Amino acid sequence: MQEEKLLLELLREGDQRAFDELYRRHARELFLRAYRKTGVREICEDLIQDIFSGLWVKRERLEIRQSLGAYLQGVLDNKIVDHYRRSCLHLRHLDELIAVFDRAELNPADQLTYKEQESALRAYISGLSGRMRDIFLLSRDEGLPHAEISRRLNLSSQTVRNQISKALKTLREKMVMPDVPASGASEK
């Protein structure tokens, strides 16, 4: 405990080696905790980077009233909650955008673009692994809440959340930078 207090003091003074040692002591445990809650490696890596970047930026103003481990776990838990809030907000915006496109009278070029994107999205969804696709479709097409999907498929709520999160990440990546045409045919 005294050693950790000394490391924190050195950190406040801008000591890079103290920061590195604190990272070495706490990053793995935080990563494992984040992975148990999100199940997505990339998200965990981003969260851990955010936590330690924030620790460095705020080092001079840090007021830690408990152990650093407990403090960092609290920060991680808050970041995980924020991540899920942002994900939900992003999905609501996508749903609203889809509703606008469904209602709007699009010119023929926009209709064609919309149909192509919708077709590509459906192709990418069909390319998801079986369980992930089923969970995603129950959530998005049937509008079922996570608890109902968990009950129907006899899965934990966390598994359902993780699978939806992974599906959304995969679909976002495919829709932003598709590496293969939706039809699967190669272009020459």
C-alpha atoms as a PDB file:
ATOM      1  CA  MET A   1       0.000   0.000   0.000  1.00  0.00           C
ATOM      2  CA  GLN A   2       2.821   2.409   0.856  1.00  0.00           C
ATOM      3  CA  GLU A   3       4.561   1.525  -2.386  1.00  0.00           C
ATOM      4  CA  GLU A   4       1.394   2.362  -4.325  1.00  0.00           C
ATOM      5  CA  LYS A   5       1.122   5.726  -2.530  1.00  0.00           C
ATOM      6  CA  LEU A   6       4.714   6.461  -3.496  1.00  0.00           C
ATOM      7  CA  LEU A   7       4.001   5.505  -7.116  1.00  0.00           C
ATOM      8  CA  LEU A   8       0.962   7.803  -7.108  1.00  0.00           C
ATOM      9  CA  GLU A   9       3.080  10.666  -5.751  1.00  0.00           C
ATOM     10  CA  LEU A  10       5.665  10.075  -8.467  1.00  0.00           C
ATOM     11  CA  LEU A  11       2.878   9.904 -11.045  1.00  0.00           C
ATOM     12  CA  ARG A  12       1.547  13.292  -9.882  1.00  0.00           C
ATOM     13  CA  GLU A  13       5.044  14.674 -10.503  1.00  0.00           C
ATOM     14  CA  GLY A  14       5.008  13.310 -14.063  1.00  0.00           C
ATOM     15  CA  ASP A  15       7.238  10.262 -13.557  1.00  0.00           C
ATOM     16  CA  GLN A  16       6.753   8.047 -16.642  1.00  0.00           C
ATOM     17  CA  ARG A  17       8.262   4.991 -14.929  1.00  0.00           C
ATOM     18  CA  ALA A  18       5.746   5.264 -12.083  1.00  0.00           C
ATOM     19  CA  PHE A  19       2.944   5.446 -14.654  1.00  0.00           C
ATOM     20  CA  ASP A  20       4.335   2.411 -16.490  1.00  0.00           C
ATOM     21  CA  GLU A  21       4.506   0.450 -13.226  1.00  0.00           C
ATOM     22  CA  LEU A  22       0.933   1.343 -12.301  1.00  0.00           C
ATOM     23  CA  TYR A  23      -0.162   0.299 -15.785  1.00  0.00           C
ATOM     24  CA  ARG A  24       1.711  -2.989 -15.442  1.00  0.00           C
ATOM     25  CA  ARG A  25       0.048  -3.670 -12.089  1.00  0.00           C
ATOM     26  CA  HIS A  26      -3.532  -2.840 -13.037  1.00  0.00           C
ATOM     27  CA  ALA A  27      -4.125  -3.045 -16.808  1.00  0.00           C
ATOM     28  CA  ARG A  28      -4.535  -6.821 -17.063  1.00  0.00           C
ATOM     29  CA  GLU A  29      -7.019  -7.048 -14.197  1.00  0.00           C
ATOM     30  CA  LEU A  30      -9.032  -4.162 -15.657  1.00  0.00           C
ATOM     31  CA  PHE A  31      -8.963  -5.741 -19.104  1.00  0.00           C
ATOM     32  CA  LEU A  32     -10.284  -9.045 -17.741  1.00  0.00           C
ATOM     33  CA  ARG A  33     -13.030  -7.245 -15.829  1.00  0.00           C
ATOM     34  CA  ALA A  34     -14.002  -5.294 -18.946  1.00  0.00           C
ATOM     35  CA  TYR A  35     -13.968  -8.449 -21.053  1.00  0.00           C
ATOM     36  CA  ARG A  36     -16.321 -10.220 -18.633  1.00  0.00           C
ATOM     37  CA  LYS A  37     -18.746  -7.312 -19.044  1.00  0.00           C
ATOM     38  CA  THR A  38     -18.423  -6.619 -22.780  1.00  0.00           C
ATOM     39  CA  GLY A  39     -16.971  -9.739 -24.368  1.00  0.00           C
ATOM     40  CA  VAL A  40     -15.346  -7.656 -27.115  1.00  0.00           C
ATOM     41  CA  ARG A  41     -11.558  -7.384 -27.073  1.00  0.00           C
ATOM     42  CA  GLU A  42     -11.372  -4.156 -29.082  1.00  0.00           C
ATOM     43  CA  ILE A  43     -13.835  -2.407 -26.789  1.00  0.00           C
ATOM     44  CA  CYS A  44     -11.825  -3.527 -23.755  1.00  0.00           C
ATOM     45  CA  GLU A  45      -8.593  -2.261 -25.265  1.00  0.00           C
ATOM     46  CA  ASP A  46     -10.193   1.118 -25.999  1.00  0.00           C
ATOM     47  CA  LEU A  47     -11.613   1.357 -22.475  1.00  0.00           C
ATOM     48  CA  ILE A  48      -8.268   0.543 -20.849  1.00  0.00           C
ATOM     49  CA  GLN A  49      -6.487   3.054 -23.068  1.00  0.00           C
ATOM     50  CA  ASP A  50      -9.062   5.723 -22.144  1.00  0.00           C
ATOM     51  CA  ILE A  51      -8.671   4.978 -18.442  1.00  0.00           C
ATOM     52  CA  PHE A  52      -4.883   5.215 -18.424  1.00  0.00           C
ATOM     53  CA  SER A  53      -4.826   8.205 -20.769  1.00  0.00           C
ATOM     54  CA  GLY A  54      -7.192   9.945 -18.374  1.00  0.00           C
ATOM     55  CA  LEU A  55      -5.044   8.914 -15.426  1.00  0.00           C
ATOM     56  CA  TRP A  56      -2.008  10.525 -17.053  1.00  0.00           C
ATOM     57  CA  VAL A  57      -3.846  13.691 -18.093  1.00  0.00           C
ATOM     58  CA  LYS A  58      -5.413  14.150 -14.640  1.00  0.00           C
ATOM     59  CA  ARG A  59      -2.364  12.979 -12.676  1.00  0.00           C
ATOM     60  CA  GLU A  60      -1.703  16.336 -11.009  1.00  0.00           C
ATOM     61  CA  ARG A  61      -5.302  16.651  -9.781  1.00  0.00           C
ATOM     62  CA  LEU A  62      -5.901  13.039  -8.728  1.00  0.00           C
ATOM     63  CA  GLU A  63      -7.681  12.605  -5.426  1.00  0.00           C
ATOM     64  CA  ILE A  64      -7.939   8.901  -4.713  1.00  0.00           C
ATOM     65  CA  ARG A  65      -9.608   8.088  -1.412  1.00  0.00           C
ATOM     66  CA  GLN A  66      -9.397   4.292  -1.730  1.00  0.00           C
ATOM     67  CA  SER A  67      -6.880   1.958  -3.312  1.00  0.00           C
ATOM     68  CA  LEU A  68      -5.898   2.750  -6.867  1.00  0.00           C
ATOM     69  CA  GLY A  69      -7.271  -0.637  -7.944  1.00  0.00           C
ATOM     70  CA  ALA A  70     -10.711   0.172  -6.532  1.00  0.00           C
ATOM     71  CA  TYR A  71     -10.580   3.659  -8.080  1.00  0.00           C
ATOM     72  CA  LEU A  72      -9.677   2.277 -11.513  1.00  0.00           C
ATOM     73  CA  GLN A  73     -12.395  -0.382 -11.301  1.00  0.00           C
ATOM     74  CA  GLY A  74     -14.939   2.353 -10.567  1.00  0.00           C
ATOM     75  CA  VAL A  75     -13.719   4.368 -13.547  1.00  0.00           C
ATOM     76  CA  LEU A  76     -13.915   1.237 -15.717  1.00  0.00           C
ATOM     77  CA  ASP A  77     -17.456   0.454 -14.603  1.00  0.00           C
ATOM     78  CA  ASN A  78     -18.532   4.004 -15.457  1.00  0.00           C
ATOM     79  CA  LYS A  79     -16.874   3.791 -18.884  1.00  0.00           C
ATOM     80  CA  ILE A  80     -18.632   0.486 -19.596  1.00  0.00           C
ATOM     81  CA  VAL A  81     -21.994   2.030 -18.713  1.00  0.00           C
ATOM     82  CA  ASP A  82     -21.161   5.016 -20.947  1.00  0.00           C
ATOM     83  CA  HIS A  83     -20.211   2.642 -23.769  1.00  0.00           C
ATOM     84  CA  TYR A  84     -23.559   0.843 -23.598  1.00  0.00           C
ATOM     85  CA  ARG A  85     -25.428   4.154 -23.401  1.00  0.00           C
ATOM     86  CA  ARG A  86     -23.654   5.418 -26.520  1.00  0.00           C
ATOM     87  CA  SER A  87     -24.359   2.127 -28.297  1.00  0.00           C
ATOM     88  CA  CYS A  88     -28.057   2.373 -27.473  1.00  0.00           C
ATOM     89  CA  LEU A  89     -28.174   6.016 -28.551  1.00  0.00           C
ATOM     90  CA  HIS A  90     -26.409   5.149 -31.803  1.00  0.00           C
ATOM     91  CA  LEU A  91     -28.950   2.394 -32.478  1.00  0.00           C
ATOM     92  CA  ARG A  92     -31.862   4.731 -31.795  1.00  0.00           C
ATOM     93  CA  HIS A  93     -30.424   7.213 -34.283  1.00  0.00           C
ATOM     94  CA  LEU A  94     -30.036   4.447 -36.864  1.00  0.00           C
ATOM     95  CA  ASP A  95     -33.616   3.308 -36.270  1.00  0.00           C
ATOM     96  CA  GLU A  96     -34.851   6.886 -36.667  1.00  0.00           C
ATOM     97  CA  LEU A  97     -32.823   7.315 -39.862  1.00  0.00           C
ATOM     98  CA  ILE A  98     -34.265   4.112 -41.281  1.00  0.00           C
ATOM     99  CA  ALA A  99     -37.770   5.301 -40.389  1.00  0.00           C
ATOM    100  CA  VAL A 100     -37.129   8.619 -42.150  1.00  0.00           C
ATOM    101  CA  PHE A 101     -35.930   6.808 -45.267  1.00  0.00           C
ATOM    102  CA  ASP A 102     -38.921   4.493 -45.128  1.00  0.00           C
ATOM    103  CA  ARG A 103     -41.308   7.479 -44.984  1.00  0.00           C
ATOM    104  CA  ALA A 104     -39.491   9.807 -47.335  1.00  0.00           C
ATOM    105  CA  GLU A 105     -40.207  10.039 -50.987  1.00  0.00           C
ATOM    106  CA  LEU A 106     -36.782   9.528 -52.463  1.00  0.00           C
ATOM    107  CA  ASN A 107     -35.749  10.403 -55.958  1.00  0.00           C
ATOM    108  CA  PRO A 108     -34.912   7.376 -58.125  1.00  0.00           C
ATOM    109  CA  ALA A 109     -31.135   7.664 -57.593  1.00  0.00           C
ATOM    110  CA  ASP A 110     -31.532   7.833 -53.809  1.00  0.00           C
ATOM    111  CA  GLN A 111     -33.998   4.943 -53.899  1.00  0.00           C
ATOM    112  CA  LEU A 112     -31.474   2.854 -55.794  1.00  0.00           C
ATOM    113  CA  THR A 113     -28.685   3.750 -53.349  1.00  0.00           C
ATOM    114  CA  TYR A 114     -30.940   2.966 -50.402  1.00  0.00           C
ATOM    115  CA  LYS A 115     -31.966  -0.387 -51.900  1.00  0.00           C
ATOM    116  CA  GLU A 116     -28.328  -1.262 -52.601  1.00  0.00           C
ATOM    117  CA  GLN A 117     -27.302  -0.403 -49.048  1.00  0.00           C
ATOM    118  CA  GLU A 118     -30.243  -2.286 -47.605  1.00  0.00           C
ATOM    119  CA  SER A 119     -29.356  -5.296 -49.755  1.00  0.00           C
ATOM    120  CA  ALA A 120     -25.713  -5.110 -48.683  1.00  0.00           C
ATOM    121  CA  LEU A 121     -26.754  -4.879 -45.032  1.00  0.00           C
ATOM    122  CA  ARG A 122     -29.006  -7.942 -45.389  1.00  0.00           C
ATOM    123  CA  ALA A 123     -26.150  -9.830 -47.053  1.00  0.00           C
ATOM    124  CA  TYR A 124     -23.770  -8.900 -44.230  1.00  0.00           C
ATOM    125  CA  ILE A 125     -26.369  -9.914 -41.640  1.00  0.00           C
ATOM    126  CA  SER A 126     -26.792 -13.287 -43.342  1.00  0.00           C
ATOM    127  CA  GLY A 127     -23.005 -13.672 -43.182  1.00  0.00           C
ATOM    128  CA  LEU A 128     -22.953 -13.417 -39.375  1.00  0.00           C
ATOM    129  CA  SER A 129     -22.417 -16.653 -37.464  1.00  0.00           C
ATOM    130  CA  GLY A 130     -25.631 -18.599 -36.799  1.00  0.00           C
ATOM    131  CA  ARG A 131     -26.198 -17.730 -33.161  1.00  0.00           C
ATOM    132  CA  MET A 132     -25.056 -14.119 -33.580  1.00  0.00           C
ATOM    133  CA  ARG A 133     -27.374 -13.677 -36.596  1.00  0.00           C
ATOM    134  CA  ASP A 134     -30.342 -15.218 -34.749  1.00  0.00           C
ATOM    135  CA  ILE A 135     -29.818 -13.003 -31.704  1.00  0.00           C
ATOM    136  CA  PHE A 136     -29.354  -9.905 -33.851  1.00  0.00           C
ATOM    137  CA  LEU A 137     -32.500 -10.572 -35.899  1.00  0.00           C
ATOM    138  CA  LEU A 138     -34.570 -11.250 -32.775  1.00  0.00           C
ATOM    139  CA  SER A 139     -33.381  -7.929 -31.400  1.00  0.00           C
ATOM    140  CA  ARG A 140     -33.674  -5.809 -34.551  1.00  0.00           C
ATOM    141  CA  ASP A 141     -36.331  -7.409 -36.748  1.00  0.00           C
ATOM    142  CA  GLU A 142     -38.650  -8.633 -34.002  1.00  0.00           C
ATOM    143  CA  GLY A 143     -37.780  -5.874 -31.531  1.00  0.00           C
ATOM    144  CA  LEU A 144     -37.372  -8.271 -28.611  1.00  0.00           C
ATOM    145  CA  PRO A 145     -35.632  -7.044 -25.465  1.00  0.00           C
ATOM    146  CA  HIS A 146     -32.447  -8.775 -24.325  1.00  0.00           C
ATOM    147  CA  ALA A 147     -34.252 -10.541 -21.463  1.00  0.00           C
ATOM    148  CA  GLU A 148     -36.772 -12.128 -23.847  1.00  0.00           C
ATOM    149  CA  ILE A 149     -34.043 -13.240 -26.244  1.00  0.00           C
ATOM    150  CA  SER A 150     -32.133 -14.715 -23.293  1.00  0.00           C
ATOM    151  CA  ARG A 151     -35.211 -16.632 -22.191  1.00  0.00           C
ATOM    152  CA  ARG A 152     -36.091 -17.879 -25.683  1.00  0.00           C
ATOM    153  CA  LEU A 153     -32.576 -19.062 -26.503  1.00  0.00           C
ATOM    154  CA  ASN A 154     -31.647 -20.149 -22.977  1.00  0.00           C
ATOM    155  CA  LEU A 155     -28.656 -17.787 -22.885  1.00  0.00           C
ATOM    156  CA  SER A 156     -27.439 -15.307 -20.315  1.00  0.00           C
ATOM    157  CA  SER A 157     -28.353 -11.638 -20.814  1.00  0.00           C
ATOM    158  CA  GLN A 158     -24.637 -10.843 -20.984  1.00  0.00           C
ATOM    159  CA  THR A 159     -24.179 -13.309 -23.858  1.00  0.00           C
ATOM    160  CA  VAL A 160     -27.057 -11.676 -25.722  1.00  0.00           C
ATOM    161  CA  ARG A 161     -25.588  -8.187 -25.174  1.00  0.00           C
ATOM    162  CA  ASN A 162     -22.136  -9.377 -26.245  1.00  0.00           C
ATOM    163  CA  GLN A 163     -23.444 -11.025 -29.410  1.00  0.00           C
ATOM    164  CA  ILE A 164     -25.454  -7.921 -30.387  1.00  0.00           C
ATOM    165  CA  SER A 165     -22.449  -5.699 -29.705  1.00  0.00           C
ATOM    166  CA  LYS A 166     -20.183  -7.915 -31.817  1.00  0.00           C
ATOM    167  CA  ALA A 167     -22.764  -8.053 -34.623  1.00  0.00           C
ATOM    168  CA  LEU A 168     -23.113  -4.259 -34.659  1.00  0.00           C
ATOM    169  CA  LYS A 169     -19.347  -3.795 -34.707  1.00  0.00           C
ATOM    170  CA  THR A 170     -19.012  -6.243 -37.597  1.00  0.00           C
ATOM    171  CA  LEU A 171     -21.854  -4.638 -39.552  1.00  0.00           C
ATOM    172  CA  ARG A 172     -20.534  -1.123 -38.963  1.00  0.00           C
ATOM    173  CA  GLU A 173     -17.124  -2.144 -40.257  1.00  0.00           C
ATOM    174  CA  LYS A 174     -18.615  -3.859 -43.310  1.00  0.00           C
ATOM    175  CA  MET A 175     -20.953  -0.975 -44.146  1.00  0.00           C
ATOM    176  CA  VAL A 176     -18.269   1.688 -43.734  1.00  0.00           C
ATOM    177  CA  MET A 177     -15.506  -0.143 -45.567  1.00  0.00           C
ATOM    178  CA  PRO A 178     -16.878  -3.195 -47.315  1.00  0.00           C
ATOM    179  CA  ASP A 179     -13.995  -5.444 -48.269  1.00  0.00           C
ATOM    180  CA  VAL A 180     -16.094  -7.802 -50.375  1.00  0.00           C
ATOM    181  CA  PRO A 181     -19.068  -6.919 -52.555  1.00  0.00           C
ATOM    182  CA  ALA A 182     -22.365  -7.930 -50.937  1.00  0.00           C
ATOM    183  CA  SER A 183     -22.979 -10.535 -53.615  1.00  0.00           C
ATOM    184  CA  GLY A 184     -19.658 -12.182 -52.815  1.00  0.00           C
ATOM    185  CA  ALA A 185     -18.504 -11.907 -56.443  1.00  0.00           C
ATOM    186  CA  SER A 186     -15.095 -10.477 -57.034  1.00  0.00           C
ATOM    187  CA  GLU A 187     -14.755  -7.427 -59.240  1.00  0.00           C
ATOM    188  CA  LYS A 188     -12.060  -7.128 -61.894  1.00  0.00           C
END
